[in-house]
Amino acid sequence: MGAFGFLYMDGVSPNLGLQDQICALEWVQNNISDFGGDPANVTIFAESAAATSVAYLLVMPSAKGLFHKAILESGAFPFESLADNQRFAETGTRKLFKELSVPIGNLPALQKIPLAEIMRAEKKVAGRLLFNDRAFYPVIDGTVIPEDVYGALYAGCANDIPVIIGVNAEKLLLFGIMFKPGLMETIVKYSFLSKLKKLGATSKQINALLTLDRGSLSSEEVAVHSEYYHLISDEFFRVPATLFAEAKQAAGPEIFFYCFSHPALKMGVASHVMELYLLFGTITTTDVADMMVVPGTDDEVHLSQAMMTAWTSFTRFGNPNHSAMPEWPSYELEHCATMYFDFQSRVVTLPFDDIRSAWMSIVNSSILR
């Protein structure tokens, strides 16, 4: 991870972090049968930035044949242009050299810097770029990662790999809680919205999205400008997942879309990472994310078991359906069937369709497709 995985400069192979994942998958192919596993039935799944890794692995030629199913939780290709993707990589690398007082591009000098100093510097660089650019992340290099990732999906590069992809209902509210009142709104207004405009969104289109989001909120939520959290949640999570699903399903085979909507007890919303407690059966665990811990009631245990069975059924057979939850149809453009996981899990057709249509009017040739 970090600079060791995603430095972008001459003399260093790009996307070493993803290439390490290829090495791990090759190890699985060569050794898993010794542990009772089946090298012909390998599933990879991950959450957040790691799910973005899964998205890239699905289009990387070097990953072909190393896994057979994939699950992406709250992560896909970032919503950005090809030019910005490469600029982020170059900016992070340049600022790391500057922070270490090493001439830019001087690899021998960089190799003499102790590990601890590089990690300290990368942490500073990443923190400073958090709300402007991005540092130490997969870069579309044209070799390890093909230049047109959406085009690769549409062309069927992963048409033999079934996929589950989904998001949580209230992503960015978690991050809003971490900031002082009003700060997240300011960050959204003056940083994230400017990125949308760079991608071709007009003020009229952005205001239309905000209006649609307000229409789904209570008066109390509107009073604290929760529509901004929803807008950026869509930009970071729901829209990238939707774009990925639509590109993937165009070439087949089946892809299953979900939305985790069960609220955390203390937060009252289904926030980022919340689904992991149920998927790993750790719903009574207390850890640093105390605000997201669920008490483990009978209903929560039932939901946890239903989700775990869906994931393991998909891992084994390529289909998440089982008797303890409603029939989960595959995702197709006509219906956009989405499984909403909650105490009363249900399938919703054409969810957030008006908001989706408004977003699709923004998605144009400047996006990575």
Protein backbone atom coordinates (compact mmCIF):
# COMPACT_ATOMS: atom_id res chain seq x y z
CA MET A 1 0.00 0.00 0.00
CA GLY A 2 1.00 3.64 0.06
CA ALA A 3 4.09 4.82 -1.77
CA PHE A 4 5.55 1.30 -1.85
CA GLY A 5 2.50 0.09 -3.76
CA PHE A 6 1.63 3.03 -5.98
CA LEU A 7 4.58 5.32 -6.62
CA TYR A 8 4.31 6.58 -10.20
CA MET A 9 7.68 7.39 -11.77
CA ASP A 10 10.25 6.25 -14.30
CA GLY A 11 12.23 3.24 -13.14
CA VAL A 12 9.44 1.81 -10.96
CA SER A 13 6.87 -0.60 -12.34
CA PRO A 14 3.41 0.97 -11.90
CA ASN A 15 0.73 -0.36 -9.58
CA LEU A 16 3.03 -2.61 -7.56
CA GLY A 17 0.26 -2.96 -4.98
CA LEU A 18 -1.99 -4.60 -7.55
CA GLN A 19 0.88 -6.67 -8.88
CA ASP A 20 1.42 -7.97 -5.34
CA GLN A 21 -2.22 -9.08 -5.35
CA ILE A 22 -1.53 -10.95 -8.59
CA CYS A 23 1.35 -12.72 -6.81
CA ALA A 24 -0.99 -13.70 -3.98
CA LEU A 25 -3.54 -15.09 -6.43
CA GLU A 26 -0.80 -17.03 -8.22
CA TRP A 27 0.22 -18.49 -4.86
CA VAL A 28 -3.37 -19.57 -4.30
CA GLN A 29 -3.44 -21.27 -7.71
CA ASN A 30 -0.21 -23.12 -6.98
CA ASN A 31 -0.87 -24.11 -3.38
CA ILE A 32 -4.52 -24.01 -2.34
CA SER A 33 -5.17 -27.65 -3.29
CA ASP A 34 -2.71 -28.63 -0.56
CA PHE A 35 -5.12 -27.04 1.94
CA GLY A 36 -8.24 -28.70 0.53
CA GLY A 37 -9.15 -25.77 -1.73
CA ASP A 38 -10.15 -25.80 -5.36
CA PRO A 39 -7.91 -23.66 -7.62
CA ALA A 40 -10.67 -23.75 -10.25
CA ASN A 41 -13.20 -22.11 -7.91
CA VAL A 42 -11.60 -19.03 -6.36
CA THR A 43 -13.62 -15.99 -5.24
CA ILE A 44 -12.12 -12.65 -4.30
CA PHE A 45 -14.11 -10.11 -2.31
CA ALA A 46 -13.30 -6.87 -0.57
CA GLU A 47 -14.68 -3.61 0.78
CA SER A 48 -14.06 0.10 0.05
CA ALA A 49 -10.62 0.84 -1.48
CA ALA A 50 -9.92 -2.91 -1.55
CA ALA A 51 -13.10 -3.39 -3.62
CA THR A 52 -11.60 -0.90 -6.06
CA SER A 53 -8.65 -3.29 -6.29
CA VAL A 54 -11.09 -6.06 -7.19
CA ALA A 55 -12.56 -3.86 -9.93
CA TYR A 56 -9.11 -3.34 -11.44
CA LEU A 57 -8.22 -7.03 -11.12
CA LEU A 58 -11.29 -7.84 -13.19
CA VAL A 59 -9.88 -5.89 -16.16
CA MET A 60 -6.15 -6.60 -15.71
CA PRO A 61 -4.80 -9.06 -18.30
CA SER A 62 -2.31 -10.47 -15.78
CA ALA A 63 -5.19 -11.51 -13.47
CA LYS A 64 -7.00 -13.53 -16.12
CA GLY A 65 -7.73 -17.06 -14.96
CA LEU A 66 -6.55 -16.50 -11.39
CA PHE A 67 -10.05 -16.16 -9.89
CA HIS A 68 -13.55 -17.09 -10.97
CA LYS A 69 -16.01 -14.92 -9.00
CA ALA A 70 -15.80 -11.47 -7.42
CA ILE A 71 -17.64 -9.44 -4.78
CA LEU A 72 -17.20 -5.65 -4.56
CA GLU A 73 -18.55 -3.94 -1.44
CA SER A 74 -18.65 -0.13 -1.64
CA GLY A 75 -15.93 0.21 -4.25
CA ALA A 76 -15.46 0.34 -8.03
CA PHE A 77 -13.58 2.52 -10.51
CA PRO A 78 -13.32 6.09 -9.16
CA PHE A 79 -15.58 8.69 -10.72
CA GLU A 80 -12.86 10.70 -12.48
CA SER A 81 -11.29 11.46 -15.83
CA LEU A 82 -8.26 9.66 -17.21
CA ALA A 83 -6.29 12.92 -17.05
CA ASP A 84 -7.16 13.41 -13.37
CA ASN A 85 -6.33 9.79 -12.55
CA GLN A 86 -2.80 10.26 -13.87
CA ARG A 87 -2.44 13.74 -12.39
CA PHE A 88 -3.31 12.41 -8.93
CA ALA A 89 -0.58 9.76 -9.27
CA GLU A 90 2.02 12.27 -10.46
CA THR A 91 1.11 14.82 -7.76
CA GLY A 92 1.35 12.32 -4.93
CA THR A 93 4.74 11.08 -6.15
CA ARG A 94 6.09 14.59 -6.60
CA LYS A 95 4.96 15.70 -3.15
CA LEU A 96 6.48 12.60 -1.54
CA PHE A 97 9.90 13.45 -3.00
CA LYS A 98 9.49 17.04 -1.80
CA GLU A 99 8.50 15.94 1.71
CA LEU A 100 11.61 13.72 1.86
CA SER A 101 13.85 16.49 0.43
CA VAL A 102 14.91 14.18 -2.39
CA PRO A 103 15.28 15.44 -5.98
CA ILE A 104 12.16 14.46 -7.90
CA GLY A 105 12.71 11.23 -9.82
CA ASN A 106 15.99 10.34 -8.09
CA LEU A 107 15.25 6.69 -7.34
CA PRO A 108 18.70 5.78 -5.93
CA ALA A 109 18.41 8.62 -3.41
CA LEU A 110 14.89 7.52 -2.48
CA GLN A 111 16.07 3.94 -1.93
CA LYS A 112 18.44 5.15 0.77
CA ILE A 113 15.64 6.65 2.87
CA PRO A 114 14.64 4.46 5.86
CA LEU A 115 11.24 2.79 5.79
CA ALA A 116 9.92 4.75 8.77
CA GLU A 117 10.72 8.09 7.13
CA ILE A 118 8.97 7.13 3.90
CA MET A 119 5.87 6.01 5.80
CA ARG A 120 5.85 9.25 7.80
CA ALA A 121 6.13 11.29 4.62
CA GLU A 122 3.45 9.37 2.74
CA LYS A 123 1.04 9.83 5.64
CA LYS A 124 1.58 13.60 5.52
CA VAL A 125 1.19 13.75 1.76
CA ALA A 126 -1.96 11.65 1.73
CA GLY A 127 -3.51 13.73 4.51
CA ARG A 128 -2.83 17.00 2.74
CA LEU A 129 -4.33 15.74 -0.51
CA LEU A 130 -7.39 14.10 1.06
CA PHE A 131 -9.97 16.66 -0.02
CA ASN A 132 -8.28 17.93 -3.17
CA ASP A 133 -6.37 15.25 -5.04
CA ARG A 134 -5.58 11.64 -4.19
CA ALA A 135 -2.28 9.97 -3.47
CA PHE A 136 -0.92 6.41 -3.78
CA TYR A 137 -3.80 4.80 -5.61
CA PRO A 138 -4.13 2.68 -8.77
CA VAL A 139 -3.14 4.61 -11.88
CA ILE A 140 -4.32 3.85 -15.39
CA ASP A 141 -0.92 3.10 -16.92
CA GLY A 142 -2.04 1.31 -20.08
CA THR A 143 -0.01 -1.81 -19.31
CA VAL A 144 -0.82 -3.25 -15.89
CA ILE A 145 -4.26 -1.58 -16.08
CA PRO A 146 -5.72 -1.12 -19.57
CA GLU A 147 -6.35 2.46 -20.61
CA ASP A 148 -10.11 2.03 -21.09
CA VAL A 149 -11.36 0.06 -18.09
CA TYR A 150 -15.07 0.46 -18.87
CA GLY A 151 -14.43 -0.39 -22.50
CA ALA A 152 -12.70 -3.58 -21.38
CA LEU A 153 -15.77 -4.58 -19.36
CA TYR A 154 -18.15 -3.76 -22.21
CA ALA A 155 -15.96 -5.84 -24.51
CA GLY A 156 -16.33 -8.83 -22.21
CA CYS A 157 -12.90 -9.10 -20.61
CA ALA A 158 -14.55 -10.57 -17.49
CA ASN A 159 -17.60 -12.15 -19.07
CA ASP A 160 -16.80 -15.50 -17.44
CA ILE A 161 -16.78 -14.06 -13.90
CA PRO A 162 -20.06 -13.60 -11.97
CA VAL A 163 -20.08 -10.55 -9.71
CA ILE A 164 -21.87 -9.19 -6.63
CA ILE A 165 -21.55 -5.43 -6.23
CA GLY A 166 -23.29 -3.05 -3.85
CA VAL A 167 -23.23 -0.09 -1.50
CA ASN A 168 -24.52 0.95 1.90
CA ALA A 169 -27.50 3.28 2.10
CA GLU A 170 -25.93 6.20 3.98
CA LYS A 171 -22.22 6.28 3.19
CA LEU A 172 -20.88 9.75 3.83
CA LEU A 173 -22.88 10.46 6.96
CA LEU A 174 -20.16 8.55 8.81
CA PHE A 175 -17.56 11.07 7.64
CA GLY A 176 -19.86 13.98 8.39
CA ILE A 177 -20.11 12.86 12.01
CA MET A 178 -16.30 12.93 12.28
CA PHE A 179 -16.09 16.64 11.46
CA LYS A 180 -17.21 19.74 13.30
CA PRO A 181 -20.76 20.89 12.42
CA GLY A 182 -20.78 22.65 9.08
CA LEU A 183 -17.25 21.63 8.10
CA MET A 184 -18.29 18.68 5.93
CA GLU A 185 -20.83 20.86 4.14
CA THR A 186 -18.11 23.42 3.43
CA ILE A 187 -15.74 20.74 2.15
CA VAL A 188 -18.44 19.37 -0.10
CA LYS A 189 -19.46 22.75 -1.48
CA TYR A 190 -16.03 24.07 -2.26
CA SER A 191 -14.00 20.95 -3.04
CA PHE A 192 -16.10 18.02 -4.19
CA LEU A 193 -18.57 20.08 -6.21
CA SER A 194 -15.70 21.71 -8.07
CA LYS A 195 -14.57 18.21 -9.10
CA LEU A 196 -18.01 17.52 -10.54
CA LYS A 197 -17.80 20.71 -12.56
CA LYS A 198 -14.40 19.66 -13.89
CA LEU A 199 -16.03 16.47 -15.13
CA GLY A 200 -18.53 18.50 -17.10
CA ALA A 201 -21.40 18.93 -14.63
CA THR A 202 -23.16 22.28 -14.88
CA SER A 203 -24.48 24.21 -11.89
CA LYS A 204 -27.99 23.46 -13.14
CA GLN A 205 -27.30 19.70 -13.12
CA ILE A 206 -25.77 19.81 -9.65
CA ASN A 207 -28.70 21.82 -8.29
CA ALA A 208 -31.09 19.32 -9.87
CA LEU A 209 -29.34 16.49 -8.02
CA LEU A 210 -29.45 18.39 -4.73
CA THR A 211 -33.17 19.05 -5.24
CA LEU A 212 -33.84 15.37 -5.87
CA ASP A 213 -31.88 14.40 -2.77
CA ARG A 214 -33.77 16.94 -0.64
CA GLY A 215 -37.02 15.41 -1.81
CA SER A 216 -36.13 12.12 -0.10
CA LEU A 217 -35.16 13.71 3.23
CA SER A 218 -37.04 14.73 6.34
CA SER A 219 -37.29 18.41 7.27
CA GLU A 220 -34.77 17.78 10.05
CA GLU A 221 -32.28 16.32 7.59
CA VAL A 222 -32.80 19.18 5.15
CA ALA A 223 -32.17 21.65 7.97
CA VAL A 224 -28.65 20.25 8.45
CA HIS A 225 -28.00 20.01 4.69
CA SER A 226 -27.88 16.21 4.56
CA GLU A 227 -28.45 16.40 0.81
CA TYR A 228 -24.74 17.21 0.43
CA TYR A 229 -23.80 13.95 2.13
CA HIS A 230 -26.12 12.05 -0.20
CA LEU A 231 -24.72 13.80 -3.26
CA ILE A 232 -21.14 12.92 -2.42
CA SER A 233 -22.12 9.43 -1.31
CA ASP A 234 -23.48 8.97 -4.81
CA GLU A 235 -20.32 10.40 -6.38
CA PHE A 236 -18.01 8.19 -4.31
CA PHE A 237 -20.00 4.97 -4.14
CA ARG A 238 -23.42 4.51 -5.73
CA VAL A 239 -22.71 6.02 -9.15
CA PRO A 240 -19.34 4.20 -9.63
CA ALA A 241 -21.00 0.93 -8.58
CA THR A 242 -23.86 1.57 -11.01
CA LEU A 243 -21.52 2.40 -13.89
CA PHE A 244 -19.53 -0.75 -13.16
CA ALA A 245 -22.66 -2.92 -12.99
CA GLU A 246 -24.02 -1.57 -16.26
CA ALA A 247 -20.72 -2.11 -18.07
CA LYS A 248 -20.34 -5.60 -16.64
CA GLN A 249 -23.86 -6.80 -17.36
CA ALA A 250 -23.63 -5.67 -20.96
CA ALA A 251 -21.26 -8.57 -21.65
CA GLY A 252 -22.62 -11.02 -19.05
CA PRO A 253 -22.68 -13.26 -17.15
CA GLU A 254 -24.88 -12.58 -14.13
CA ILE A 255 -24.20 -9.64 -11.84
CA PHE A 256 -26.09 -9.10 -8.57
CA PHE A 257 -26.57 -5.62 -7.06
CA TYR A 258 -27.35 -4.90 -3.38
CA CYS A 259 -27.90 -2.02 -0.99
CA PHE A 260 -27.23 -2.63 2.71
CA SER A 261 -29.84 -0.53 4.52
CA HIS A 262 -29.84 -1.77 8.14
CA PRO A 263 -28.97 1.19 10.41
CA ALA A 264 -26.25 1.16 13.04
CA LEU A 265 -27.70 1.50 16.53
CA LYS A 266 -25.90 4.69 17.64
CA MET A 267 -25.81 6.39 14.24
CA GLY A 268 -29.28 5.51 13.03
CA VAL A 269 -28.00 4.99 9.48
CA ALA A 270 -26.45 2.22 7.37
CA SER A 271 -23.04 3.79 7.09
CA HIS A 272 -19.77 2.84 5.44
CA VAL A 273 -18.25 -0.52 6.56
CA MET A 274 -21.36 -1.31 8.62
CA GLU A 275 -22.20 -4.44 6.63
CA LEU A 276 -18.90 -6.08 7.59
CA TYR A 277 -20.10 -6.75 11.13
CA LEU A 278 -22.92 -8.88 9.77
CA LEU A 279 -20.95 -10.52 6.97
CA PHE A 280 -18.28 -11.77 9.37
CA GLY A 281 -20.70 -12.64 12.16
CA THR A 282 -19.05 -10.21 14.60
CA ILE A 283 -22.16 -8.24 15.46
CA THR A 284 -21.48 -8.20 19.20
CA THR A 285 -17.83 -7.21 18.88
CA THR A 286 -16.69 -3.98 20.52
CA ASP A 287 -13.86 -2.15 18.80
CA VAL A 288 -12.69 1.36 17.88
CA ALA A 289 -15.73 1.79 15.64
CA ASP A 290 -17.98 1.74 18.68
CA MET A 291 -20.60 3.95 17.03
CA MET A 292 -21.20 1.21 14.44
CA VAL A 293 -21.43 -1.79 16.76
CA VAL A 294 -24.78 -3.60 16.70
CA PRO A 295 -26.10 -5.43 19.77
CA GLY A 296 -26.71 -8.80 18.11
CA THR A 297 -30.46 -9.13 18.56
CA ASP A 298 -32.29 -12.15 17.14
CA ASP A 299 -33.27 -10.12 14.07
CA GLU A 300 -29.67 -9.01 13.52
CA VAL A 301 -28.39 -12.56 13.90
CA HIS A 302 -30.95 -13.69 11.31
CA LEU A 303 -29.87 -10.92 8.90
CA SER A 304 -26.21 -11.78 9.50
CA GLN A 305 -26.82 -15.44 8.73
CA ALA A 306 -28.82 -14.59 5.60
CA MET A 307 -26.03 -12.39 4.27
CA MET A 308 -23.28 -14.86 5.10
CA THR A 309 -25.20 -17.63 3.36
CA ALA A 310 -25.74 -15.42 0.29
CA TRP A 311 -22.02 -14.69 0.08
CA THR A 312 -20.99 -18.32 0.59
CA SER A 313 -23.63 -19.59 -1.84
CA PHE A 314 -22.28 -17.19 -4.44
CA THR A 315 -18.74 -18.28 -3.66
CA ARG A 316 -19.62 -21.92 -4.16
CA PHE A 317 -22.12 -21.79 -7.02
CA GLY A 318 -21.94 -18.29 -8.56
CA ASN A 319 -25.46 -17.49 -7.35
CA PRO A 320 -26.30 -15.88 -3.96
CA ASN A 321 -29.87 -17.16 -3.71
CA HIS A 322 -30.96 -19.38 -0.83
CA SER A 323 -34.17 -20.21 1.03
CA ALA A 324 -33.72 -17.75 3.93
CA MET A 325 -34.17 -14.60 1.85
CA PRO A 326 -36.30 -13.37 -1.06
CA GLU A 327 -35.38 -14.35 -4.61
CA TRP A 328 -32.50 -12.12 -5.73
CA PRO A 329 -32.62 -11.64 -9.52
CA SER A 330 -29.60 -10.59 -11.53
CA TYR A 331 -29.11 -6.94 -12.45
CA GLU A 332 -30.35 -5.89 -15.88
CA LEU A 333 -30.86 -2.38 -17.24
CA GLU A 334 -34.59 -2.83 -17.72
CA HIS A 335 -35.27 -3.38 -14.02
CA CYS A 336 -31.99 -2.69 -12.14
CA ALA A 337 -33.09 -5.23 -9.52
CA THR A 338 -31.40 -4.46 -6.20
CA MET A 339 -31.50 -6.52 -3.00
CA TYR A 340 -32.03 -4.25 0.02
CA PHE A 341 -30.61 -6.05 3.06
CA ASP A 342 -32.49 -5.28 6.29
CA PHE A 343 -34.63 -7.12 8.82
CA GLN A 344 -37.19 -7.45 6.03
CA SER A 345 -34.88 -7.81 3.05
CA ARG A 346 -36.58 -7.03 -0.25
CA VAL A 347 -35.84 -6.59 -3.94
CA VAL A 348 -36.43 -3.11 -5.35
CA THR A 349 -36.68 -2.49 -9.09
CA LEU A 350 -35.42 0.78 -10.55
CA PRO A 351 -34.25 2.18 -7.20
CA PHE A 352 -33.35 5.90 -7.14
CA ASP A 353 -34.16 5.94 -10.86
CA ASP A 354 -34.73 9.70 -11.11
CA ILE A 355 -31.44 10.39 -9.33
CA ARG A 356 -29.69 7.79 -11.49
CA SER A 357 -31.01 9.44 -14.65
CA ALA A 358 -29.80 12.83 -13.45
CA TRP A 359 -26.34 11.42 -12.77
CA MET A 360 -26.19 9.69 -16.15
CA SER A 361 -26.76 13.08 -17.80
CA ILE A 362 -23.45 14.15 -16.23
CA VAL A 363 -21.50 11.03 -17.14
CA ASN A 364 -19.86 11.75 -20.49
CA SER A 365 -16.66 11.13 -22.41
CA SER A 366 -14.57 12.73 -19.67
CA ILE A 367 -15.22 9.76 -17.37
CA LEU A 368 -13.03 6.67 -17.62
CA ARG A 369 -15.06 4.78 -20.20
